[in-house]
Amino acid sequence: MSCTVVLRDKAEIERHLRHNIYLHLFEIGDLDDFFWPSTTWYALKDDNQVRELALLYRGSALPVLLAFGETPQSMRLLLQSLIPQLPKYVYAHLFQEAAEVLANAFDQQSHGIFWKMALTRPDHLEKVDVSEVVRLSPSDQRELERLFKESYPGNWFDPRLLETGCYYGFRMEGRLVSTAGVHVYSPSYKVAALGNVATHPAWRGRGLATRVCARLCMELMAVVQHIGLNVSINNSRAIACYQHIGFEQVATYEECMLIGK
């Protein structure tokens, strides 16, 4: 008989997620002690075996629900059981067929279709000139936030992640004009996810994003085994950049805002 439980056993969660590492790369990273306190894990269990998992992450101003079930019917059962537990406002990452289960309880505002991409051809990185790309530090926070305001308004940026040393930038005429960092980084679990990739509008079209992303991936590969990212299917420039340095699509999903009725 199936039942839904709150799961706090990291090893049990990890075993399930690693059945499809790139699909669940963000969730695996959230097992890290850095992110773990902000996580609530819900499991659909059958005969004490995890069938599906969903993560509610509260480490940002708006709670985020990650629910990528590999068996649609089981994920629908899990989401249906979670409706009373979910906040009134939640940003969701879901397969499109799973979102239908929440339609009676939540108004849904789609933020578009996204790809999950994985670095599967790291040899492509060797072809990119990264000589002028520099590592950023917490002392660069103000300059970085200015770049995001001018080129990537509304992005999610946790300044604490600058302390990881996994943010890189490119300067032109003495100012930061391009950057790439991480949304998830876990040496313990050997995973990382690129995020906060941005280039100032006045400096786009010069391959700067390719260079900062390539340098970041080179550095990450010395510490982690799996690197991924999420990108809107409408962001053709970003997709071309990622494909150029060795990423490929591994899954498609939808991001949407859920507002309780």
Protein backbone atom coordinates (compact mmCIF):
# COMPACT_ATOMS: atom_id res chain seq x y z
CA MET A 1 0.00 0.00 0.00
CA SER A 2 1.34 3.44 -0.96
CA CYS A 3 1.83 6.24 1.55
CA THR A 4 3.45 9.69 1.58
CA VAL A 5 6.07 10.48 4.21
CA VAL A 6 8.57 13.22 5.02
CA LEU A 7 11.98 11.69 4.43
CA ARG A 8 15.11 12.82 6.30
CA ASP A 9 17.48 9.96 5.56
CA LYS A 10 20.10 11.43 3.19
CA ALA A 11 21.40 8.04 2.08
CA GLU A 12 17.92 6.80 1.18
CA ILE A 13 17.17 10.00 -0.72
CA GLU A 14 20.48 9.87 -2.57
CA ARG A 15 20.02 6.26 -3.65
CA HIS A 16 16.75 7.14 -5.33
CA LEU A 17 18.02 10.31 -6.99
CA ARG A 18 21.12 8.69 -8.43
CA HIS A 19 18.99 6.41 -10.60
CA ASN A 20 18.96 9.40 -12.98
CA ILE A 21 21.74 11.77 -11.94
CA TYR A 22 21.27 14.54 -14.49
CA LEU A 23 17.51 14.65 -14.10
CA HIS A 24 17.95 15.06 -10.33
CA LEU A 25 21.27 16.89 -10.25
CA PHE A 26 19.89 19.97 -8.46
CA GLU A 27 18.23 17.82 -5.82
CA ILE A 28 21.41 15.79 -5.25
CA GLY A 29 23.27 19.04 -4.70
CA ASP A 30 20.67 20.13 -2.17
CA LEU A 31 21.66 17.18 0.02
CA ASP A 32 24.84 19.09 0.79
CA ASP A 33 25.04 20.54 4.30
CA PHE A 34 25.06 24.03 2.76
CA PHE A 35 21.52 23.58 1.36
CA TRP A 36 20.11 20.74 3.49
CA PRO A 37 18.58 22.89 6.30
CA SER A 38 16.32 24.58 3.72
CA THR A 39 14.96 21.32 2.30
CA THR A 40 11.86 19.22 2.96
CA TRP A 41 11.72 15.88 1.15
CA TYR A 42 8.44 14.11 0.45
CA ALA A 43 8.47 10.47 -0.62
CA LEU A 44 5.79 8.21 -2.02
CA LYS A 45 6.60 4.81 -0.57
CA ASP A 46 5.31 1.37 -1.48
CA ASP A 47 6.29 -1.56 0.75
CA ASN A 48 8.80 0.79 2.40
CA GLN A 49 10.51 1.46 -0.94
CA VAL A 50 10.73 4.99 -2.36
CA ARG A 51 8.77 5.21 -5.59
CA GLU A 52 8.92 8.97 -6.11
CA LEU A 53 10.46 12.02 -4.43
CA ALA A 54 9.59 15.71 -4.39
CA LEU A 55 11.66 18.48 -2.84
CA LEU A 56 10.35 21.71 -1.34
CA TYR A 57 13.26 24.16 -1.05
CA ARG A 58 12.82 27.16 1.26
CA GLY A 59 16.26 28.70 0.92
CA SER A 60 14.99 31.52 -1.29
CA ALA A 61 12.39 34.23 -0.78
CA LEU A 62 9.88 32.13 -2.72
CA PRO A 63 9.66 28.39 -1.92
CA VAL A 64 10.60 26.15 -4.86
CA LEU A 65 9.06 22.76 -5.60
CA LEU A 66 11.13 20.26 -7.60
CA ALA A 67 9.16 17.21 -8.71
CA PHE A 68 10.60 15.19 -11.59
CA GLY A 69 9.01 11.79 -11.36
CA GLU A 70 10.19 9.08 -13.69
CA THR A 71 6.81 7.35 -13.43
CA PRO A 72 4.03 9.88 -14.23
CA GLN A 73 1.29 8.00 -12.43
CA SER A 74 3.32 7.73 -9.22
CA MET A 75 4.31 11.39 -9.33
CA ARG A 76 0.70 12.41 -9.78
CA LEU A 77 -0.21 10.41 -6.68
CA LEU A 78 2.56 12.08 -4.71
CA LEU A 79 1.63 15.60 -5.81
CA GLN A 80 -2.03 14.99 -5.06
CA SER A 81 -1.13 14.00 -1.50
CA LEU A 82 1.09 17.09 -1.09
CA ILE A 83 -1.55 19.70 -1.90
CA PRO A 84 -2.43 20.35 1.78
CA GLN A 85 1.30 20.67 2.64
CA LEU A 86 2.30 23.20 -0.02
CA PRO A 87 2.57 26.95 0.67
CA LYS A 88 0.04 29.30 -0.89
CA TYR A 89 2.74 30.64 -3.18
CA VAL A 90 5.34 28.30 -4.65
CA TYR A 91 7.54 28.29 -7.74
CA ALA A 92 7.43 24.84 -9.32
CA HIS A 93 9.68 22.84 -11.63
CA LEU A 94 7.54 20.03 -13.03
CA PHE A 95 6.99 17.78 -15.97
CA GLN A 96 3.97 19.23 -17.78
CA GLU A 97 1.71 16.23 -17.24
CA ALA A 98 2.30 16.41 -13.47
CA ALA A 99 1.15 20.03 -13.24
CA GLU A 100 -2.39 19.01 -14.20
CA VAL A 101 -2.83 17.36 -10.79
CA LEU A 102 -2.44 20.72 -9.06
CA ALA A 103 -4.89 22.61 -11.29
CA ASN A 104 -7.87 22.34 -8.94
CA ALA A 105 -5.92 23.69 -5.96
CA PHE A 106 -3.61 26.25 -7.58
CA ASP A 107 -3.80 28.87 -10.28
CA GLN A 108 -0.79 28.33 -12.51
CA GLN A 109 1.24 30.98 -14.30
CA SER A 110 3.63 29.35 -16.72
CA HIS A 111 7.16 30.75 -16.91
CA GLY A 112 7.96 28.65 -19.93
CA ILE A 113 9.50 25.39 -21.03
CA PHE A 114 13.08 24.61 -20.02
CA TRP A 115 15.79 22.15 -20.88
CA LYS A 116 17.98 20.31 -18.43
CA MET A 117 21.43 20.05 -19.98
CA ALA A 118 24.46 18.01 -18.93
CA LEU A 119 28.16 18.39 -19.70
CA THR A 120 28.74 15.19 -21.67
CA ARG A 121 31.58 16.29 -24.00
CA PRO A 122 34.09 18.09 -21.76
CA ASP A 123 36.77 17.83 -24.45
CA HIS A 124 35.01 20.78 -26.13
CA LEU A 125 36.26 23.03 -23.31
CA GLU A 126 39.84 22.73 -24.51
CA LYS A 127 38.99 24.72 -27.64
CA VAL A 128 37.99 27.85 -25.69
CA ASP A 129 40.41 30.65 -24.77
CA VAL A 130 39.94 31.27 -21.04
CA SER A 131 43.21 33.13 -20.42
CA GLU A 132 41.57 36.45 -19.46
CA VAL A 133 38.79 34.99 -17.31
CA VAL A 134 39.25 35.76 -13.59
CA ARG A 135 37.96 34.15 -10.42
CA LEU A 136 35.53 36.31 -8.44
CA SER A 137 35.37 36.56 -4.64
CA PRO A 138 33.00 37.96 -1.99
CA SER A 139 34.71 41.33 -2.45
CA ASP A 140 33.18 41.45 -5.96
CA GLN A 141 29.58 41.11 -4.70
CA ARG A 142 28.55 44.71 -5.31
CA GLU A 143 30.00 44.73 -8.84
CA LEU A 144 28.34 41.40 -9.58
CA GLU A 145 24.94 42.56 -8.33
CA ARG A 146 25.24 45.64 -10.53
CA LEU A 147 25.87 43.43 -13.56
CA PHE A 148 22.82 41.29 -12.73
CA LYS A 149 20.66 44.39 -12.33
CA GLU A 150 21.71 45.66 -15.75
CA SER A 151 21.68 42.38 -17.67
CA TYR A 152 19.70 39.73 -15.76
CA PRO A 153 17.01 41.38 -13.61
CA GLY A 154 14.99 39.03 -11.45
CA ASN A 155 17.61 36.28 -11.34
CA TRP A 156 18.12 34.18 -8.21
CA PHE A 157 21.50 34.94 -6.63
CA ASP A 158 22.69 33.77 -3.23
CA PRO A 159 25.77 35.86 -2.32
CA ARG A 160 26.97 33.08 -0.01
CA LEU A 161 27.84 31.05 -3.10
CA LEU A 162 30.65 33.50 -3.89
CA GLU A 163 32.47 31.92 -0.96
CA THR A 164 32.73 28.66 -2.92
CA GLY A 165 35.16 30.27 -5.36
CA CYS A 166 32.94 29.04 -8.20
CA TYR A 167 32.18 32.41 -9.79
CA TYR A 168 34.18 33.68 -12.72
CA GLY A 169 34.08 36.90 -14.68
CA PHE A 170 35.43 38.84 -17.62
CA ARG A 171 36.33 42.53 -17.42
CA MET A 172 36.46 45.03 -20.25
CA GLU A 173 37.62 48.61 -19.79
CA GLY A 174 37.91 48.02 -16.07
CA ARG A 175 34.36 46.81 -15.44
CA LEU A 176 32.78 43.40 -15.00
CA VAL A 177 30.78 42.66 -18.16
CA SER A 178 30.27 38.88 -18.10
CA THR A 179 30.01 36.23 -15.41
CA ALA A 180 29.14 32.60 -14.72
CA GLY A 181 28.58 30.94 -11.37
CA VAL A 182 26.72 28.11 -9.70
CA HIS A 183 23.24 27.54 -8.33
CA VAL A 184 24.32 24.23 -6.82
CA TYR A 185 27.80 23.14 -5.77
CA SER A 186 28.63 20.10 -3.69
CA PRO A 187 32.11 18.57 -3.55
CA SER A 188 30.69 15.99 -1.12
CA TYR A 189 28.13 14.72 -3.64
CA LYS A 190 30.32 15.47 -6.68
CA VAL A 191 27.73 17.61 -8.51
CA ALA A 192 27.42 21.21 -9.65
CA ALA A 193 24.87 23.23 -11.62
CA LEU A 194 25.76 26.37 -13.53
CA GLY A 195 23.72 29.49 -12.82
CA ASN A 196 23.76 33.28 -12.87
CA VAL A 197 25.30 33.35 -16.34
CA ALA A 198 25.03 36.93 -17.57
CA THR A 199 26.66 39.32 -20.03
CA HIS A 200 26.02 43.05 -20.14
CA PRO A 201 23.85 43.93 -23.19
CA ALA A 202 26.54 46.25 -24.58
CA TRP A 203 29.07 43.41 -24.68
CA ARG A 204 26.99 40.54 -26.02
CA GLY A 205 27.84 38.70 -29.22
CA ARG A 206 31.56 38.50 -28.46
CA GLY A 207 31.66 35.01 -26.98
CA LEU A 208 32.30 36.21 -23.44
CA ALA A 209 29.68 33.89 -21.89
CA THR A 210 31.32 30.96 -23.64
CA ARG A 211 34.67 31.88 -22.12
CA VAL A 212 33.49 32.37 -18.54
CA CYS A 213 31.35 29.21 -18.64
CA ALA A 214 34.24 27.18 -20.06
CA ARG A 215 36.63 28.38 -17.34
CA LEU A 216 34.06 27.62 -14.65
CA CYS A 217 33.49 24.10 -15.99
CA MET A 218 37.24 23.45 -16.17
CA GLU A 219 37.62 24.37 -12.52
CA LEU A 220 34.53 22.40 -11.45
CA MET A 221 35.75 19.25 -13.19
CA ALA A 222 38.66 19.09 -10.76
CA VAL A 223 36.22 18.73 -7.87
CA VAL A 224 32.93 17.22 -9.15
CA GLN A 225 31.94 14.43 -11.52
CA HIS A 226 28.63 15.71 -12.91
CA ILE A 227 27.83 19.22 -14.18
CA GLY A 228 24.42 20.38 -15.39
CA LEU A 229 22.21 23.42 -15.84
CA ASN A 230 18.68 24.57 -16.66
CA VAL A 231 17.93 26.91 -19.56
CA SER A 232 14.80 28.28 -21.21
CA ILE A 233 14.14 26.80 -24.64
CA ASN A 234 13.59 30.37 -25.85
CA ASN A 235 17.14 31.39 -24.94
CA SER A 236 18.74 30.28 -28.19
CA ARG A 237 21.97 32.20 -27.56
CA ALA A 238 22.55 30.52 -24.22
CA ILE A 239 21.74 27.08 -25.63
CA ALA A 240 24.22 27.61 -28.46
CA CYS A 241 26.86 28.67 -25.93
CA TYR A 242 26.32 25.59 -23.79
CA GLN A 243 26.29 23.23 -26.75
CA HIS A 244 29.54 24.78 -27.98
CA ILE A 245 31.33 23.87 -24.75
CA GLY A 246 29.97 20.32 -24.58
CA PHE A 247 26.50 20.34 -23.01
CA GLU A 248 23.55 18.41 -24.39
CA GLN A 249 19.83 18.26 -23.59
CA VAL A 250 18.78 15.48 -21.20
CA ALA A 251 15.21 16.45 -20.21
CA THR A 252 12.42 18.98 -20.82
CA TYR A 253 10.22 20.46 -18.10
CA GLU A 254 8.04 23.46 -17.23
CA GLU A 255 8.53 26.19 -14.64
CA CYS A 256 5.41 27.81 -13.24
CA MET A 257 4.17 29.94 -10.39
CA LEU A 258 1.53 28.22 -8.25
CA ILE A 259 -0.95 30.39 -6.37
CA GLY A 260 -3.32 28.69 -3.97
CA LYS A 261 -7.01 29.18 -4.72
